[in-house]
Every structure is written in structure tokens, then in C-alpha cells.
PDB file of N, CA and C in Angstrom:
ATOM      1  N   MET A   1     -49.908-100.855  28.384  1.00  0.00           N
ATOM      2  CA  MET A   1     -48.907-100.047  29.260  1.00  0.00           C
ATOM      3  C   MET A   1     -48.467-101.102  30.263  1.00  0.00           C
ATOM      4  N   LYS A   2     -47.127-101.165  30.650  1.00  0.00           N
ATOM      5  CA  LYS A   2     -46.703-101.939  31.732  1.00  0.00           C
ATOM      6  C   LYS A   2     -47.069-101.424  33.040  1.00  0.00           C
ATOM      7  N   VAL A   3     -47.400-102.638  34.106  1.00  0.00           N
ATOM      8  CA  VAL A   3     -48.200-102.204  35.387  1.00  0.00           C
ATOM      9  C   VAL A   3     -46.722-102.004  36.339  1.00  0.00           C
ATOM     10  N   ARG A   4     -47.239-100.969  37.103  1.00  0.00           N
ATOM     11  CA  ARG A   4     -46.197-100.576  37.988  1.00  0.00           C
ATOM     12  C   ARG A   4     -46.695-100.281  39.496  1.00  0.00           C
ATOM     13  N   ILE A   5     -46.077-101.204  40.500  1.00  0.00           N
ATOM     14  CA  ILE A   5     -46.583-101.146  41.739  1.00  0.00           C
ATOM     15  C   ILE A   5     -45.650-100.539  42.675  1.00  0.00           C
ATOM     16  N   SER A   6     -46.032 -99.471  43.439  1.00  0.00           N
ATOM     17  CA  SER A   6     -44.886 -98.793  44.294  1.00  0.00           C
ATOM     18  C   SER A   6     -45.625 -98.471  45.732  1.00  0.00           C
ATOM     19  N   PRO A   7     -45.052 -99.139  46.754  1.00  0.00           N
ATOM     20  CA  PRO A   7     -45.541 -98.894  48.136  1.00  0.00           C
ATOM     21  C   PRO A   7     -45.168 -97.575  48.636  1.00  0.00           C
ATOM     22  N   ARG A   8     -46.223 -97.187  49.544  1.00  0.00           N
ATOM     23  CA  ARG A   8     -45.817 -95.883  50.275  1.00  0.00           C
ATOM     24  C   ARG A   8     -45.690 -96.114  51.678  1.00  0.00           C
ATOM     25  N   ALA A   9     -44.543 -95.668  52.226  1.00  0.00           N
ATOM     26  CA  ALA A   9     -44.293 -96.176  53.705  1.00  0.00           C
ATOM     27  C   ALA A   9     -45.286 -95.944  54.738  1.00  0.00           C
ATOM     28  N   ARG A  10     -46.207 -94.999  54.538  1.00  0.00           N
ATOM     29  CA  ARG A  10     -47.144 -94.873  55.653  1.00  0.00           C
ATOM     30  C   ARG A  10     -48.458 -95.123  55.012  1.00  0.00           C
ATOM     31  N   GLY A  11     -48.805 -95.715  53.916  1.00  0.00           N
ATOM     32  CA  GLY A  11     -49.879 -95.752  53.334  1.00  0.00           C
ATOM     33  C   GLY A  11     -50.162 -97.096  52.304  1.00  0.00           C
ATOM     34  N   PRO A  12     -50.824 -96.773  51.265  1.00  0.00           N
ATOM     35  CA  PRO A  12     -51.179 -97.914  50.375  1.00  0.00           C
ATOM     36  C   PRO A  12     -50.177 -98.359  49.159  1.00  0.00           C
ATOM     37  N   LEU A  13     -50.410 -99.270  48.519  1.00  0.00           N
ATOM     38  CA  LEU A  13     -49.756 -99.578  47.359  1.00  0.00           C
ATOM     39  C   LEU A  13     -50.301 -98.755  46.120  1.00  0.00           C
ATOM     40  N   VAL A  14     -49.561 -98.196  45.420  1.00  0.00           N
ATOM     41  CA  VAL A  14     -50.018 -97.479  44.399  1.00  0.00           C
ATOM     42  C   VAL A  14     -49.859 -98.322  43.012  1.00  0.00           C
ATOM     43  N   VAL A  15     -50.977 -98.470  42.319  1.00  0.00           N
ATOM     44  CA  VAL A  15     -50.754 -99.557  40.976  1.00  0.00           C
ATOM     45  C   VAL A  15     -51.180 -98.593  39.958  1.00  0.00           C
ATOM     46  N   GLU A  16     -50.212 -98.611  39.015  1.00  0.00           N
ATOM     47  CA  GLU A  16     -50.387 -97.769  37.808  1.00  0.00           C
ATOM     48  C   GLU A  16     -50.350 -98.599  36.596  1.00  0.00           C
ATOM     49  N   GLY A  17     -51.112 -98.240  35.503  1.00  0.00           N
ATOM     50  CA  GLY A  17     -51.080 -99.044  34.256  1.00  0.00           C
ATOM     51  C   GLY A  17     -52.547 -99.573  33.888  1.00  0.00           C
ATOM     52  N   ASP A  18     -52.611-100.360  33.042  1.00  0.00           N
ATOM     53  CA  ASP A  18     -53.792-100.982  32.572  1.00  0.00           C
ATOM     54  C   ASP A  18     -54.247-101.990  33.671  1.00  0.00           C
ATOM     55  N   ILE A  19     -55.218-101.570  34.392  1.00  0.00           N
ATOM     56  CA  ILE A  19     -55.465-102.319  35.629  1.00  0.00           C
ATOM     57  C   ILE A  19     -56.956-103.044  35.317  1.00  0.00           C
ATOM     58  N   ASP A  20     -57.017-104.327  35.801  1.00  0.00           N
ATOM     59  CA  ASP A  20     -58.200-105.216  35.878  1.00  0.00           C
ATOM     60  C   ASP A  20     -58.292-105.661  37.339  1.00  0.00           C
ATOM     61  N   LEU A  21     -58.969-105.170  38.157  1.00  0.00           N
ATOM     62  CA  LEU A  21     -59.041-105.506  39.654  1.00  0.00           C
ATOM     63  C   LEU A  21     -60.086-106.331  39.819  1.00  0.00           C
ATOM     64  N   VAL A  22     -59.941-107.244  40.793  1.00  0.00           N
ATOM     65  CA  VAL A  22     -61.062-108.248  41.070  1.00  0.00           C
ATOM     66  C   VAL A  22     -61.096-108.408  42.641  1.00  0.00           C
ATOM     67  N   ASP A  23     -62.494-108.879  43.180  1.00  0.00           N
ATOM     68  CA  ASP A  23     -62.321-108.976  44.595  1.00  0.00           C
ATOM     69  C   ASP A  23     -62.072-110.433  45.014  1.00  0.00           C
ATOM     70  N   LEU A  24     -62.142-110.834  46.269  1.00  0.00           N
ATOM     71  CA  LEU A  24     -61.860-112.181  46.599  1.00  0.00           C
ATOM     72  C   LEU A  24     -62.633-113.278  45.870  1.00  0.00           C
ATOM     73  N   ASP A  25     -63.932-112.829  45.399  1.00  0.00           N
ATOM     74  CA  ASP A  25     -64.855-113.855  44.642  1.00  0.00           C
ATOM     75  C   ASP A  25     -64.624-113.876  43.237  1.00  0.00           C
ATOM     76  N   GLY A  26     -63.686-112.947  42.776  1.00  0.00           N
ATOM     77  CA  GLY A  26     -63.286-112.930  41.171  1.00  0.00           C
ATOM     78  C   GLY A  26     -64.269-111.978  40.472  1.00  0.00           C
ATOM     79  N   ARG A  27     -64.925-111.231  41.259  1.00  0.00           N
ATOM     80  CA  ARG A  27     -65.986-110.150  40.492  1.00  0.00           C
ATOM     81  C   ARG A  27     -65.077-108.811  40.291  1.00  0.00           C
ATOM     82  N   PRO A  28     -65.461-108.205  39.348  1.00  0.00           N
ATOM     83  CA  PRO A  28     -64.577-107.055  39.040  1.00  0.00           C
ATOM     84  C   PRO A  28     -64.908-105.976  39.872  1.00  0.00           C
ATOM     85  N   VAL A  29     -63.844-105.214  40.144  1.00  0.00           N
ATOM     86  CA  VAL A  29     -63.787-104.083  41.094  1.00  0.00           C
ATOM     87  C   VAL A  29     -63.874-102.711  40.168  1.00  0.00           C
ATOM     88  N   GLU A  30     -64.902-101.867  40.283  1.00  0.00           N
ATOM     89  CA  GLU A  30     -65.053-100.650  39.570  1.00  0.00           C
ATOM     90  C   GLU A  30     -63.819 -99.843  39.720  1.00  0.00           C
ATOM     91  N   THR A  31     -63.218 -99.510  38.645  1.00  0.00           N
ATOM     92  CA  THR A  31     -62.205 -98.594  38.738  1.00  0.00           C
ATOM     93  C   THR A  31     -62.359 -97.389  37.784  1.00  0.00           C
ATOM     94  N   ALA A  32     -63.577 -97.306  36.959  1.00  0.00           N
ATOM     95  CA  ALA A  32     -63.991 -96.404  36.354  1.00  0.00           C
ATOM     96  C   ALA A  32     -62.853 -95.939  35.286  1.00  0.00           C
ATOM     97  N   GLY A  33     -62.065 -97.041  34.606  1.00  0.00           N
ATOM     98  CA  GLY A  33     -60.933 -96.683  33.643  1.00  0.00           C
ATOM     99  C   GLY A  33     -59.856 -95.913  34.066  1.00  0.00           C
ATOM    100  N   ARG A  34     -59.655 -95.888  35.408  1.00  0.00           N
ATOM    101  CA  ARG A  34     -58.413 -95.183  35.889  1.00  0.00           C
ATOM    102  C   ARG A  34     -57.122 -95.993  35.608  1.00  0.00           C
ATOM    103  N   GLN A  35     -56.199 -95.248  35.294  1.00  0.00           N
ATOM    104  CA  GLN A  35     -54.848 -95.782  35.042  1.00  0.00           C
ATOM    105  C   GLN A  35     -54.096 -95.933  36.670  1.00  0.00           C
ATOM    106  N   ARG A  36     -54.618 -95.661  37.541  1.00  0.00           N
ATOM    107  CA  ARG A  36     -53.946 -95.390  38.832  1.00  0.00           C
ATOM    108  C   ARG A  36     -55.052 -95.790  39.975  1.00  0.00           C
ATOM    109  N   VAL A  37     -54.686 -96.788  40.812  1.00  0.00           N
ATOM    110  CA  VAL A  37     -55.522 -96.988  41.857  1.00  0.00           C
ATOM    111  C   VAL A  37     -54.801 -97.245  43.185  1.00  0.00           C
ATOM    112  N   LEU A  38     -55.184 -96.981  44.303  1.00  0.00           N
ATOM    113  CA  LEU A  38     -54.454 -97.222  45.553  1.00  0.00           C
ATOM    114  C   LEU A  38     -55.061 -98.232  46.560  1.00  0.00           C
ATOM    115  N   LEU A  39     -54.257 -99.279  46.631  1.00  0.00           N
ATOM    116  CA  LEU A  39     -54.765-100.514  47.391  1.00  0.00           C
ATOM    117  C   LEU A  39     -54.239-100.519  48.812  1.00  0.00           C
ATOM    118  N   CYS A  40     -55.324-100.515  49.746  1.00  0.00           N
ATOM    119  CA  CYS A  40     -55.279-100.809  51.081  1.00  0.00           C
ATOM    120  C   CYS A  40     -54.136-101.794  51.683  1.00  0.00           C
ATOM    121  N   ARG A  41     -53.217-101.422  52.483  1.00  0.00           N
ATOM    122  CA  ARG A  41     -52.414-102.222  53.364  1.00  0.00           C
ATOM    123  C   ARG A  41     -52.617-102.384  54.800  1.00  0.00           C
ATOM    124  N   CYS A  42     -53.362-101.352  55.248  1.00  0.00           N
ATOM    125  CA  CYS A  42     -53.484-101.283  56.696  1.00  0.00           C
ATOM    126  C   CYS A  42     -54.765-101.962  57.216  1.00  0.00           C
ATOM    127  N   GLY A  43     -55.666-102.398  56.475  1.00  0.00           N
ATOM    128  CA  GLY A  43     -56.668-103.267  56.723  1.00  0.00           C
ATOM    129  C   GLY A  43     -58.032-102.482  57.263  1.00  0.00           C
ATOM    130  N   ALA A  44     -57.771-101.082  57.565  1.00  0.00           N
ATOM    131  CA  ALA A  44     -58.770-100.513  57.997  1.00  0.00           C
ATOM    132  C   ALA A  44     -59.858 -99.787  57.004  1.00  0.00           C
ATOM    133  N   THR A  45     -59.733 -99.813  55.802  1.00  0.00           N
ATOM    134  CA  THR A  45     -60.519 -99.205  54.719  1.00  0.00           C
ATOM    135  C   THR A  45     -62.073 -99.816  54.729  1.00  0.00           C
ATOM    136  N   ARG A  46     -62.765 -98.821  54.365  1.00  0.00           N
ATOM    137  CA  ARG A  46     -64.202 -99.377  54.167  1.00  0.00           C
ATOM    138  C   ARG A  46     -64.577 -99.801  52.737  1.00  0.00           C
ATOM    139  N   VAL A  47     -63.597 -99.559  51.872  1.00  0.00           N
ATOM    140  CA  VAL A  47     -63.895 -99.739  50.483  1.00  0.00           C
ATOM    141  C   VAL A  47     -63.007-100.823  49.956  1.00  0.00           C
ATOM    142  N   ARG A  48     -62.578-101.921  50.552  1.00  0.00           N
ATOM    143  CA  ARG A  48     -61.738-102.959  50.103  1.00  0.00           C
ATOM    144  C   ARG A  48     -61.890-103.198  48.717  1.00  0.00           C
ATOM    145  N   PRO A  49     -60.957-103.555  47.981  1.00  0.00           N
ATOM    146  CA  PRO A  49     -59.557-103.577  48.410  1.00  0.00           C
ATOM    147  C   PRO A  49     -58.852-102.127  48.043  1.00  0.00           C
ATOM    148  N   LEU A  50     -59.716-101.131  47.992  1.00  0.00           N
ATOM    149  CA  LEU A  50     -59.085 -99.867  47.726  1.00  0.00           C
ATOM    150  C   LEU A  50     -59.059 -98.980  49.086  1.00  0.00           C
ATOM    151  N   CYS A  51     -57.943 -98.149  48.890  1.00  0.00           N
ATOM    152  CA  CYS A  51     -57.596 -97.167  50.058  1.00  0.00           C
ATOM    153  C   CYS A  51     -58.555 -96.106  50.173  1.00  0.00           C
ATOM    154  N   ASP A  52     -58.904 -95.710  51.525  1.00  0.00           N
ATOM    155  CA  ASP A  52     -60.111 -94.654  51.748  1.00  0.00           C
ATOM    156  C   ASP A  52     -59.303 -93.663  52.588  1.00  0.00           C
ATOM    157  N   GLY A  53     -57.952 -93.676  52.903  1.00  0.00           N
ATOM    158  CA  GLY A  53     -57.387 -92.944  53.746  1.00  0.00           C
ATOM    159  C   GLY A  53     -57.290 -93.106  55.126  1.00  0.00           C
ATOM    160  N   SER A  54     -57.852 -94.325  55.615  1.00  0.00           N
ATOM    161  CA  SER A  54     -57.813 -94.857  56.875  1.00  0.00           C
ATOM    162  C   SER A  54     -56.458 -95.168  57.704  1.00  0.00           C
ATOM    163  N   HIS A  55     -55.449 -95.256  56.756  1.00  0.00           N
ATOM    164  CA  HIS A  55     -54.078 -95.330  57.339  1.00  0.00           C
ATOM    165  C   HIS A  55     -53.739 -94.240  58.239  1.00  0.00           C
ATOM    166  N   ASN A  56     -54.236 -92.958  57.606  1.00  0.00           N
ATOM    167  CA  ASN A  56     -53.749 -91.682  58.386  1.00  0.00           C
ATOM    168  C   ASN A  56     -54.600 -91.708  59.717  1.00  0.00           C
ATOM    169  N   ARG A  57     -55.552 -92.142  59.934  1.00  0.00           N
ATOM    170  CA  ARG A  57     -56.416 -92.429  61.207  1.00  0.00           C
ATOM    171  C   ARG A  57     -55.639 -93.461  62.256  1.00  0.00           C
ATOM    172  N   THR A  58     -55.304 -94.575  61.544  1.00  0.00           N
ATOM    173  CA  THR A  58     -54.778 -95.651  62.441  1.00  0.00           C
ATOM    174  C   THR A  58     -53.279 -95.430  62.675  1.00  0.00           C
ATOM    175  N   GLY A  59     -52.679 -94.733  61.950  1.00  0.00           N
ATOM    176  CA  GLY A  59     -51.198 -94.644  62.307  1.00  0.00           C
ATOM    177  C   GLY A  59     -50.376 -95.619  61.424  1.00  0.00           C
ATOM    178  N   PHE A  60     -50.901 -96.373  60.496  1.00  0.00           N
ATOM    179  CA  PHE A  60     -50.145 -97.429  59.807  1.00  0.00           C
ATOM    180  C   PHE A  60     -48.934 -97.025  59.400  1.00  0.00           C
ATOM    181  N   GLU A  61     -47.892 -98.015  59.499  1.00  0.00           N
ATOM    182  CA  GLU A  61     -46.522 -97.829  59.037  1.00  0.00           C
ATOM    183  C   GLU A  61     -46.067 -99.167  58.540  1.00  0.00           C
ATOM    184  N   ALA A  62     -45.664 -99.296  57.408  1.00  0.00           N
ATOM    185  CA  ALA A  62     -45.204-100.523  56.908  1.00  0.00           C
ATOM    186  C   ALA A  62     -43.902-101.076  57.492  1.00  0.00           C
ATOM    187  N   PRO A  63     -43.794-102.397  57.773  1.00  0.00           N
ATOM    188  CA  PRO A  63     -42.652-102.776  58.290  1.00  0.00           C
ATOM    189  C   PRO A  63     -41.543-102.808  57.371  1.00  0.00           C
ATOM    190  N   PRO A  64     -40.222-102.578  58.011  1.00  0.00           N
ATOM    191  CA  PRO A  64     -38.908-102.503  57.232  1.00  0.00           C
ATOM    192  C   PRO A  64     -38.916-103.435  56.280  1.00  0.00           C
ATOM    193  N   PRO A  65     -38.078-103.297  55.171  1.00  0.00           N
ATOM    194  CA  PRO A  65     -37.824-104.385  54.216  1.00  0.00           C
ATOM    195  C   PRO A  65     -37.084-105.515  54.874  1.00  0.00           C
ATOM    196  N   ALA A  66     -37.404-106.661  54.309  1.00  0.00           N
ATOM    197  CA  ALA A  66     -36.792-107.954  54.972  1.00  0.00           C
ATOM    198  C   ALA A  66     -35.065-107.790  54.364  1.00  0.00           C
ATOM    199  N   GLU A  67     -34.371-108.244  55.348  1.00  0.00           N
ATOM    200  CA  GLU A  67     -32.870-108.252  55.100  1.00  0.00           C
ATOM    201  C   GLU A  67     -32.479-109.424  54.068  1.00  0.00           C
ATOM    202  N   PRO A  68     -31.635-109.177  53.088  1.00  0.00           N
ATOM    203  CA  PRO A  68     -31.534-110.195  52.034  1.00  0.00           C
ATOM    204  C   PRO A  68     -30.769-111.376  52.743  1.00  0.00           C
ATOM    205  N   GLU A  69     -31.010-112.690  52.506  1.00  0.00           N
ATOM    206  CA  GLU A  69     -30.386-113.924  52.919  1.00  0.00           C
ATOM    207  C   GLU A  69     -28.929-113.883  52.356  1.00  0.00           C
ATOM    208  N   VAL A  70     -28.119-114.265  53.246  1.00  0.00           N
ATOM    209  CA  VAL A  70     -26.706-114.572  53.098  1.00  0.00           C
ATOM    210  C   VAL A  70     -26.465-116.030  52.741  1.00  0.00           C
ATOM    211  N   GLU A  71     -25.703-116.373  51.875  1.00  0.00           N
ATOM    212  CA  GLU A  71     -25.485-117.882  51.606  1.00  0.00           C
ATOM    213  C   GLU A  71     -24.138-118.261  52.229  1.00  0.00           C
TER     214      GLU A  71
END
């Protein structure tokens, strides 16, 4: 299955598909065979790299998309 990554405006990245997730040291992160995981973007989670809902407490909001460059 193709992997799809979708950002949530006030939350995590939603990653769907056949997922192999590793930490900074290259060790596998247990995803229990899930076809969907939520990755933290706010930096406040206690279960890195996975989202634990901390963005709700911190009021995280993603920056607006970058403007395309004009040549």
C-alpha cells in the first residue's frame, strides 16, 4: 500500500500505509502492525515520535504554508 502523509492544522502528521518507523538511533518503534500512526509536530509529546495529544494542551498551531517562489 502506498504511504500517505497528511498534516493536521493544529496537530500531528497522519501517516497511513505500510509503515516501518524507527527512532533517531535507527531502532524500530513499535506500531503494533497499525496502518495509521500520528507523528508529533509540537514537540511536547512524551512518546516521541508519536503524538499523545499534547498539542491540545500547548495550543500548537502549524505555521502557514510557504509562498511559492516567483521567478
